Amino acid sequence: MLRLEGVQVIEGDFTLSADFELRPGERIAVIGPSGAGKSTLLDVIAGFRVPEAGRVLWGGQDLTAVVPGRRPVGMLFQDNNLFPHLSVERNLGLALRPGGGRLSPAEDARVAEALSRVGLEGLGARRPGALSGGQQSRAALARVLVQDRPVMLLDEPFAALGPALKAGMLDLVAEVAGAVGALVVLVTHDPEDARRFAQRVVLVADGVAAAPVETEALFADPPEALRAYLG
């Protein structure tokens, strides 16, 4: 269980509070207006931002002071976070050995398995620039998968893709995350992404990341903050 317990982030006039639990293996969407704090929420979970108050717990373990690399969390950013001068295989290898160095046979096998899971088998020797936009997104997803962590955070990673490619990537994330039992938290501006992907939705608005609500129930009877966001 991922627990945000009395979390508060304060920066000048900006504040964000969160107090809720997310279950292992479920798919969560985080929606809300620009600047409301969606990415900040992910940063707190990932460890890039330490809250001014409250705690972040996973399975009862307090992660609040744990550095990002030691958390059970993998993160996929909007820019894919791939090094253009390295092959896809080397990019994935750095997720296992951040300092570089030769991978063990077992680690090589993990890289190959991750590429196979996202449909890039046989393309590991290519550099990111030789891949299509959709293939680059798949490679970035494989980089998260190879870390084999139980929490996956996605910060609008498919925003630059067209509707069909984006829908395909959301389906792929749901498939591969389901296969490994990972909790996935997806930040998106698009309500249709939430409808397609998420079992529950966290609405971030007016300084609060609200407790997650079942997706269809939320959109069937949206609170005022969501009505204002949807227009």
C-alpha atoms as a PDB file:
ATOM      1  CA  MET A   1       0.000   0.000   0.000  1.00  0.00           C
ATOM      2  CA  LEU A   2       1.270   3.482  -0.919  1.00  0.00           C
ATOM      3  CA  ARG A   3       0.199   5.896   1.789  1.00  0.00           C
ATOM      4  CA  LEU A   4       0.417   9.696   1.697  1.00  0.00           C
ATOM      5  CA  GLU A   5      -0.171  10.593   5.315  1.00  0.00           C
ATOM      6  CA  GLY A   6      -0.907  14.240   6.060  1.00  0.00           C
ATOM      7  CA  VAL A   7       1.406  15.420   3.280  1.00  0.00           C
ATOM      8  CA  GLN A   8       1.804  19.171   2.830  1.00  0.00           C
ATOM      9  CA  VAL A   9       3.923  20.984   0.270  1.00  0.00           C
ATOM     10  CA  ILE A  10       4.405  24.725   0.681  1.00  0.00           C
ATOM     11  CA  GLU A  11       6.280  27.024  -1.699  1.00  0.00           C
ATOM     12  CA  GLY A  12       5.476  30.705  -1.472  1.00  0.00           C
ATOM     13  CA  ASP A  13       1.770  31.102  -2.205  1.00  0.00           C
ATOM     14  CA  PHE A  14       1.531  27.522  -3.499  1.00  0.00           C
ATOM     15  CA  THR A  15       0.282  24.793  -1.201  1.00  0.00           C
ATOM     16  CA  LEU A  16      -0.668  21.184  -1.791  1.00  0.00           C
ATOM     17  CA  SER A  17      -2.048  18.697   0.695  1.00  0.00           C
ATOM     18  CA  ALA A  18      -2.672  14.970   0.264  1.00  0.00           C
ATOM     19  CA  ASP A  19      -3.927  12.235   2.570  1.00  0.00           C
ATOM     20  CA  PHE A  20      -4.913   8.951   0.919  1.00  0.00           C
ATOM     21  CA  GLU A  21      -3.866   5.390   0.066  1.00  0.00           C
ATOM     22  CA  LEU A  22      -3.237   3.694  -3.281  1.00  0.00           C
ATOM     23  CA  ARG A  23      -3.394  -0.065  -3.597  1.00  0.00           C
ATOM     24  CA  PRO A  24      -0.693  -2.283  -5.113  1.00  0.00           C
ATOM     25  CA  GLY A  25      -1.438  -3.245  -8.705  1.00  0.00           C
ATOM     26  CA  GLU A  26      -4.078  -0.603  -9.439  1.00  0.00           C
ATOM     27  CA  ARG A  27      -4.084   2.048 -12.145  1.00  0.00           C
ATOM     28  CA  ILE A  28      -4.522   5.646 -10.980  1.00  0.00           C
ATOM     29  CA  ALA A  29      -4.923   8.807 -13.054  1.00  0.00           C
ATOM     30  CA  VAL A  30      -4.088  12.237 -11.655  1.00  0.00           C
ATOM     31  CA  ILE A  31      -5.971  15.084 -13.335  1.00  0.00           C
ATOM     32  CA  GLY A  32      -6.560  18.754 -12.678  1.00  0.00           C
ATOM     33  CA  PRO A  33      -5.788  22.237 -14.017  1.00  0.00           C
ATOM     34  CA  SER A  34      -2.289  23.342 -14.979  1.00  0.00           C
ATOM     35  CA  GLY A  35      -0.256  24.504 -12.005  1.00  0.00           C
ATOM     36  CA  ALA A  36      -2.475  22.727  -9.481  1.00  0.00           C
ATOM     37  CA  GLY A  37       0.322  20.408  -8.340  1.00  0.00           C
ATOM     38  CA  LYS A  38      -0.026  17.161 -10.304  1.00  0.00           C
ATOM     39  CA  SER A  39       3.672  16.846 -11.079  1.00  0.00           C
ATOM     40  CA  THR A  40       4.521  18.013  -7.565  1.00  0.00           C
ATOM     41  CA  LEU A  41       2.501  15.108  -6.205  1.00  0.00           C
ATOM     42  CA  LEU A  42       4.558  12.671  -8.293  1.00  0.00           C
ATOM     43  CA  ASP A  43       7.785  14.369  -7.184  1.00  0.00           C
ATOM     44  CA  VAL A  44       6.830  13.790  -3.546  1.00  0.00           C
ATOM     45  CA  ILE A  45       6.149  10.101  -4.193  1.00  0.00           C
ATOM     46  CA  ALA A  46       9.372   9.704  -6.184  1.00  0.00           C
ATOM     47  CA  GLY A  47      11.466  11.550  -3.615  1.00  0.00           C
ATOM     48  CA  PHE A  48      12.453  14.539  -5.754  1.00  0.00           C
ATOM     49  CA  ARG A  49      10.579  16.788  -3.342  1.00  0.00           C
ATOM     50  CA  VAL A  50      10.462  16.401   0.448  1.00  0.00           C
ATOM     51  CA  PRO A  51       7.146  17.633   1.878  1.00  0.00           C
ATOM     52  CA  GLU A  52       7.095  20.278   4.571  1.00  0.00           C
ATOM     53  CA  ALA A  53       4.838  18.017   6.633  1.00  0.00           C
ATOM     54  CA  GLY A  54       3.536  14.465   6.541  1.00  0.00           C
ATOM     55  CA  ARG A  55       4.948  11.140   5.416  1.00  0.00           C
ATOM     56  CA  VAL A  56       5.126   8.883   2.367  1.00  0.00           C
ATOM     57  CA  LEU A  57       4.905   5.174   3.189  1.00  0.00           C
ATOM     58  CA  TRP A  58       5.091   1.985   1.140  1.00  0.00           C
ATOM     59  CA  GLY A  59       4.028  -1.222   2.837  1.00  0.00           C
ATOM     60  CA  GLY A  60       4.321   0.545   6.176  1.00  0.00           C
ATOM     61  CA  GLN A  61       7.920   1.652   5.535  1.00  0.00           C
ATOM     62  CA  ASP A  62       8.525   5.390   5.851  1.00  0.00           C
ATOM     63  CA  LEU A  63      10.075   6.642   2.601  1.00  0.00           C
ATOM     64  CA  THR A  64       9.917  10.359   3.366  1.00  0.00           C
ATOM     65  CA  ALA A  65      13.675  10.770   3.864  1.00  0.00           C
ATOM     66  CA  VAL A  66      14.705   8.047   1.395  1.00  0.00           C
ATOM     67  CA  VAL A  67      16.511   9.280  -1.726  1.00  0.00           C
ATOM     68  CA  PRO A  68      14.836   8.619  -5.118  1.00  0.00           C
ATOM     69  CA  GLY A  69      17.207   5.877  -6.236  1.00  0.00           C
ATOM     70  CA  ARG A  70      16.473   3.797  -3.141  1.00  0.00           C
ATOM     71  CA  ARG A  71      12.684   4.035  -3.375  1.00  0.00           C
ATOM     72  CA  PRO A  72      10.545   1.244  -4.872  1.00  0.00           C
ATOM     73  CA  VAL A  73       9.574   3.664  -7.625  1.00  0.00           C
ATOM     74  CA  GLY A  74      10.294   3.991 -11.348  1.00  0.00           C
ATOM     75  CA  MET A  75       9.389   7.193 -13.204  1.00  0.00           C
ATOM     76  CA  LEU A  76       8.644   7.915 -16.851  1.00  0.00           C
ATOM     77  CA  PHE A  77       8.935  11.570 -17.863  1.00  0.00           C
ATOM     78  CA  GLN A  78       7.408  13.496 -20.749  1.00  0.00           C
ATOM     79  CA  ASP A  79      10.756  13.780 -22.569  1.00  0.00           C
ATOM     80  CA  ASN A  80      11.342   9.992 -22.321  1.00  0.00           C
ATOM     81  CA  ASN A  81      14.664  10.503 -20.479  1.00  0.00           C
ATOM     82  CA  LEU A  82      16.688   8.610 -23.105  1.00  0.00           C
ATOM     83  CA  PHE A  83      20.304   9.505 -23.916  1.00  0.00           C
ATOM     84  CA  PRO A  84      20.443  10.130 -27.682  1.00  0.00           C
ATOM     85  CA  HIS A  85      24.106   9.085 -28.081  1.00  0.00           C
ATOM     86  CA  LEU A  86      23.560   5.629 -26.557  1.00  0.00           C
ATOM     87  CA  SER A  87      21.807   2.599 -27.947  1.00  0.00           C
ATOM     88  CA  VAL A  88      18.442   1.608 -26.536  1.00  0.00           C
ATOM     89  CA  GLU A  89      20.095  -1.357 -24.806  1.00  0.00           C
ATOM     90  CA  ARG A  90      22.674   0.914 -23.158  1.00  0.00           C
ATOM     91  CA  ASN A  91      19.918   3.288 -22.046  1.00  0.00           C
ATOM     92  CA  LEU A  92      18.161   0.396 -20.347  1.00  0.00           C
ATOM     93  CA  GLY A  93      21.441  -0.823 -18.902  1.00  0.00           C
ATOM     94  CA  LEU A  94      21.957   2.510 -17.151  1.00  0.00           C
ATOM     95  CA  ALA A  95      18.697   1.938 -15.320  1.00  0.00           C
ATOM     96  CA  LEU A  96      20.342  -1.133 -13.787  1.00  0.00           C
ATOM     97  CA  ARG A  97      23.860   0.288 -13.429  1.00  0.00           C
ATOM     98  CA  PRO A  98      23.658   4.109 -13.224  1.00  0.00           C
ATOM     99  CA  GLY A  99      27.445   4.365 -13.004  1.00  0.00           C
ATOM    100  CA  GLY A 100      27.928   2.386 -16.195  1.00  0.00           C
ATOM    101  CA  GLY A 101      29.897  -0.818 -16.466  1.00  0.00           C
ATOM    102  CA  ARG A 102      29.302  -4.150 -18.098  1.00  0.00           C
ATOM    103  CA  LEU A 103      26.004  -5.869 -17.390  1.00  0.00           C
ATOM    104  CA  SER A 104      25.913  -9.385 -16.054  1.00  0.00           C
ATOM    105  CA  PRO A 105      24.266 -12.103 -18.167  1.00  0.00           C
ATOM    106  CA  ALA A 106      21.240 -11.925 -15.859  1.00  0.00           C
ATOM    107  CA  GLU A 107      21.005  -8.151 -16.368  1.00  0.00           C
ATOM    108  CA  ASP A 108      21.354  -8.563 -20.140  1.00  0.00           C
ATOM    109  CA  ALA A 109      18.446 -10.981 -19.963  1.00  0.00           C
ATOM    110  CA  ARG A 110      16.356  -8.433 -18.039  1.00  0.00           C
ATOM    111  CA  VAL A 111      17.030  -5.808 -20.719  1.00  0.00           C
ATOM    112  CA  ALA A 112      16.064  -8.237 -23.487  1.00  0.00           C
ATOM    113  CA  GLU A 113      12.891  -9.246 -21.643  1.00  0.00           C
ATOM    114  CA  ALA A 114      11.860  -5.605 -21.101  1.00  0.00           C
ATOM    115  CA  LEU A 115      12.358  -4.812 -24.797  1.00  0.00           C
ATOM    116  CA  SER A 116      10.348  -7.872 -25.740  1.00  0.00           C
ATOM    117  CA  ARG A 117       7.509  -6.870 -23.405  1.00  0.00           C
ATOM    118  CA  VAL A 118       7.121  -3.507 -25.153  1.00  0.00           C
ATOM    119  CA  GLY A 119       7.437  -4.875 -28.677  1.00  0.00           C
ATOM    120  CA  LEU A 120      11.009  -3.713 -29.414  1.00  0.00           C
ATOM    121  CA  GLU A 121      12.665  -7.105 -29.690  1.00  0.00           C
ATOM    122  CA  GLY A 122      15.609  -6.863 -32.099  1.00  0.00           C
ATOM    123  CA  LEU A 123      15.812  -3.046 -31.934  1.00  0.00           C
ATOM    124  CA  GLY A 124      18.044  -2.697 -28.870  1.00  0.00           C
ATOM    125  CA  ALA A 125      21.157  -1.779 -30.887  1.00  0.00           C
ATOM    126  CA  ARG A 126      19.498   1.299 -32.393  1.00  0.00           C
ATOM    127  CA  ARG A 127      19.863   4.778 -30.974  1.00  0.00           C
ATOM    128  CA  PRO A 128      16.684   6.623 -29.920  1.00  0.00           C
ATOM    129  CA  GLY A 129      16.896   8.943 -32.938  1.00  0.00           C
ATOM    130  CA  ALA A 130      16.530   5.955 -35.263  1.00  0.00           C
ATOM    131  CA  LEU A 131      13.189   5.049 -33.686  1.00  0.00           C
ATOM    132  CA  SER A 132       9.754   6.513 -34.330  1.00  0.00           C
ATOM    133  CA  GLY A 133       8.059   8.582 -31.656  1.00  0.00           C
ATOM    134  CA  GLY A 134       5.955   5.646 -30.585  1.00  0.00           C
ATOM    135  CA  GLN A 135       8.998   3.365 -30.450  1.00  0.00           C
ATOM    136  CA  GLN A 136      10.860   5.909 -28.322  1.00  0.00           C
ATOM    137  CA  SER A 137       7.963   5.918 -25.875  1.00  0.00           C
ATOM    138  CA  ARG A 138       8.112   2.120 -25.786  1.00  0.00           C
ATOM    139  CA  ALA A 139      11.855   2.246 -25.116  1.00  0.00           C
ATOM    140  CA  ALA A 140      11.332   4.690 -22.260  1.00  0.00           C
ATOM    141  CA  LEU A 141       8.669   2.411 -20.815  1.00  0.00           C
ATOM    142  CA  ALA A 142      11.064  -0.540 -21.094  1.00  0.00           C
ATOM    143  CA  ARG A 143      13.644   1.500 -19.160  1.00  0.00           C
ATOM    144  CA  VAL A 144      11.163   1.765 -16.296  1.00  0.00           C
ATOM    145  CA  LEU A 145      10.180  -1.896 -16.544  1.00  0.00           C
ATOM    146  CA  VAL A 146      13.750  -3.152 -16.354  1.00  0.00           C
ATOM    147  CA  GLN A 147      14.082  -1.606 -12.888  1.00  0.00           C
ATOM    148  CA  ASP A 148      11.392  -4.035 -11.693  1.00  0.00           C
ATOM    149  CA  ARG A 149       9.906  -1.695  -9.086  1.00  0.00           C
ATOM    150  CA  PRO A 150       6.390  -2.056  -7.698  1.00  0.00           C
ATOM    151  CA  VAL A 151       5.395   1.600  -8.267  1.00  0.00           C
ATOM    152  CA  MET A 152       5.455   3.268 -11.701  1.00  0.00           C
ATOM    153  CA  LEU A 153       4.947   7.030 -12.016  1.00  0.00           C
ATOM    154  CA  LEU A 154       4.125   8.495 -15.433  1.00  0.00           C
ATOM    155  CA  ASP A 155       4.229  12.271 -15.867  1.00  0.00           C
ATOM    156  CA  GLU A 156       2.373  12.886 -19.149  1.00  0.00           C
ATOM    157  CA  PRO A 157       4.865  10.733 -21.084  1.00  0.00           C
ATOM    158  CA  PHE A 158       2.668  10.353 -24.171  1.00  0.00           C
ATOM    159  CA  ALA A 159       1.430  13.941 -24.524  1.00  0.00           C
ATOM    160  CA  ALA A 160       3.394  14.470 -27.756  1.00  0.00           C
ATOM    161  CA  LEU A 161       1.905  11.409 -29.460  1.00  0.00           C
ATOM    162  CA  GLY A 162      -1.140  11.444 -31.696  1.00  0.00           C
ATOM    163  CA  PRO A 163      -4.452  10.105 -30.336  1.00  0.00           C
ATOM    164  CA  ALA A 164      -4.109   6.588 -31.751  1.00  0.00           C
ATOM    165  CA  LEU A 165      -0.496   6.140 -30.625  1.00  0.00           C
ATOM    166  CA  LYS A 166      -1.283   7.554 -27.196  1.00  0.00           C
ATOM    167  CA  ALA A 167      -4.219   5.202 -26.758  1.00  0.00           C
ATOM    168  CA  GLY A 168      -2.022   2.292 -27.792  1.00  0.00           C
ATOM    169  CA  MET A 169       0.662   3.267 -25.279  1.00  0.00           C
ATOM    170  CA  LEU A 170      -1.882   3.555 -22.465  1.00  0.00           C
ATOM    171  CA  ASP A 171      -3.142   0.071 -23.305  1.00  0.00           C
ATOM    172  CA  LEU A 172       0.432  -1.219 -23.363  1.00  0.00           C
ATOM    173  CA  VAL A 173       1.204   0.298 -19.969  1.00  0.00           C
ATOM    174  CA  ALA A 174      -1.922  -1.301 -18.530  1.00  0.00           C
ATOM    175  CA  GLU A 175      -0.922  -4.658 -20.009  1.00  0.00           C
ATOM    176  CA  VAL A 176       2.717  -4.724 -18.896  1.00  0.00           C
ATOM    177  CA  ALA A 177       2.032  -3.190 -15.488  1.00  0.00           C
ATOM    178  CA  GLY A 178      -0.716  -5.733 -14.924  1.00  0.00           C
ATOM    179  CA  ALA A 179       1.665  -8.548 -15.828  1.00  0.00           C
ATOM    180  CA  VAL A 180       4.156  -7.479 -13.133  1.00  0.00           C
ATOM    181  CA  GLY A 181       1.541  -6.301 -10.617  1.00  0.00           C
ATOM    182  CA  ALA A 182       2.789  -2.702 -10.468  1.00  0.00           C
ATOM    183  CA  LEU A 183       0.863   0.260  -9.096  1.00  0.00           C
ATOM    184  CA  VAL A 184       0.749   2.890 -11.864  1.00  0.00           C
ATOM    185  CA  VAL A 185       0.104   6.585 -11.254  1.00  0.00           C
ATOM    186  CA  LEU A 186      -0.447   8.555 -14.472  1.00  0.00           C
ATOM    187  CA  VAL A 187      -0.562  12.353 -14.647  1.00  0.00           C
ATOM    188  CA  THR A 188      -2.635  13.565 -17.587  1.00  0.00           C
ATOM    189  CA  HIS A 189      -4.454  16.663 -18.803  1.00  0.00           C
ATOM    190  CA  ASP A 190      -6.845  14.576 -20.875  1.00  0.00           C
ATOM    191  CA  PRO A 191      -9.965  13.205 -19.145  1.00  0.00           C
ATOM    192  CA  GLU A 192     -10.249  10.560 -21.873  1.00  0.00           C
ATOM    193  CA  ASP A 193      -6.868   9.175 -20.804  1.00  0.00           C
ATOM    194  CA  ALA A 194      -8.270   8.727 -17.312  1.00  0.00           C
ATOM    195  CA  ARG A 195     -11.411   7.051 -18.625  1.00  0.00           C
ATOM    196  CA  ARG A 196      -9.419   4.671 -20.826  1.00  0.00           C
ATOM    197  CA  PHE A 197      -6.673   3.787 -18.361  1.00  0.00           C
ATOM    198  CA  ALA A 198      -7.537   4.369 -14.734  1.00  0.00           C
ATOM    199  CA  GLN A 199      -9.565   2.411 -12.226  1.00  0.00           C
ATOM    200  CA  ARG A 200      -9.552   5.394  -9.869  1.00  0.00           C
ATOM    201  CA  VAL A 201      -8.792   9.094 -10.283  1.00  0.00           C
ATOM    202  CA  VAL A 202      -7.085  11.621  -8.025  1.00  0.00           C
ATOM    203  CA  LEU A 203      -8.337  15.161  -8.679  1.00  0.00           C
ATOM    204  CA  VAL A 204      -5.806  17.888  -7.879  1.00  0.00           C
ATOM    205  CA  ALA A 205      -7.382  21.334  -7.475  1.00  0.00           C
ATOM    206  CA  ASP A 206      -7.551  24.233  -5.031  1.00  0.00           C
ATOM    207  CA  GLY A 207      -4.480  23.107  -3.119  1.00  0.00           C
ATOM    208  CA  VAL A 208      -5.700  19.553  -2.475  1.00  0.00           C
ATOM    209  CA  ALA A 209      -4.906  16.198  -4.053  1.00  0.00           C
ATOM    210  CA  ALA A 210      -8.202  14.530  -3.219  1.00  0.00           C
ATOM    211  CA  ALA A 211      -8.602  10.906  -2.233  1.00  0.00           C
ATOM    212  CA  PRO A 212      -9.048   8.711  -5.331  1.00  0.00           C
ATOM    213  CA  VAL A 213     -12.550   8.025  -6.621  1.00  0.00           C
ATOM    214  CA  GLU A 214     -13.715   5.273  -8.959  1.00  0.00           C
ATOM    215  CA  THR A 215     -13.282   6.646 -12.473  1.00  0.00           C
ATOM    216  CA  GLU A 216     -16.797   6.232 -13.842  1.00  0.00           C
ATOM    217  CA  ALA A 217     -18.378   7.387 -10.588  1.00  0.00           C
ATOM    218  CA  LEU A 218     -16.252  10.545 -10.613  1.00  0.00           C
ATOM    219  CA  PHE A 219     -17.170  11.506 -14.161  1.00  0.00           C
ATOM    220  CA  ALA A 220     -20.814  10.553 -13.696  1.00  0.00           C
ATOM    221  CA  ASP A 221     -21.165  12.966 -10.787  1.00  0.00           C
ATOM    222  CA  PRO A 222     -18.180  15.348 -10.925  1.00  0.00           C
ATOM    223  CA  PRO A 223     -17.454  17.714  -8.032  1.00  0.00           C
ATOM    224  CA  GLU A 224     -17.474  21.438  -8.735  1.00  0.00           C
ATOM    225  CA  ALA A 225     -13.678  21.591  -9.163  1.00  0.00           C
ATOM    226  CA  LEU A 226     -13.831  18.911 -11.859  1.00  0.00           C
ATOM    227  CA  ARG A 227     -16.771  20.611 -13.606  1.00  0.00           C
ATOM    228  CA  ALA A 228     -14.773  23.826 -13.720  1.00  0.00           C
ATOM    229  CA  TYR A 229     -11.760  21.969 -15.136  1.00  0.00           C
ATOM    230  CA  LEU A 230     -13.775  20.145 -17.785  1.00  0.00           C
ATOM    231  CA  GLY A 231     -15.558  23.360 -18.819  1.00  0.00           C
END
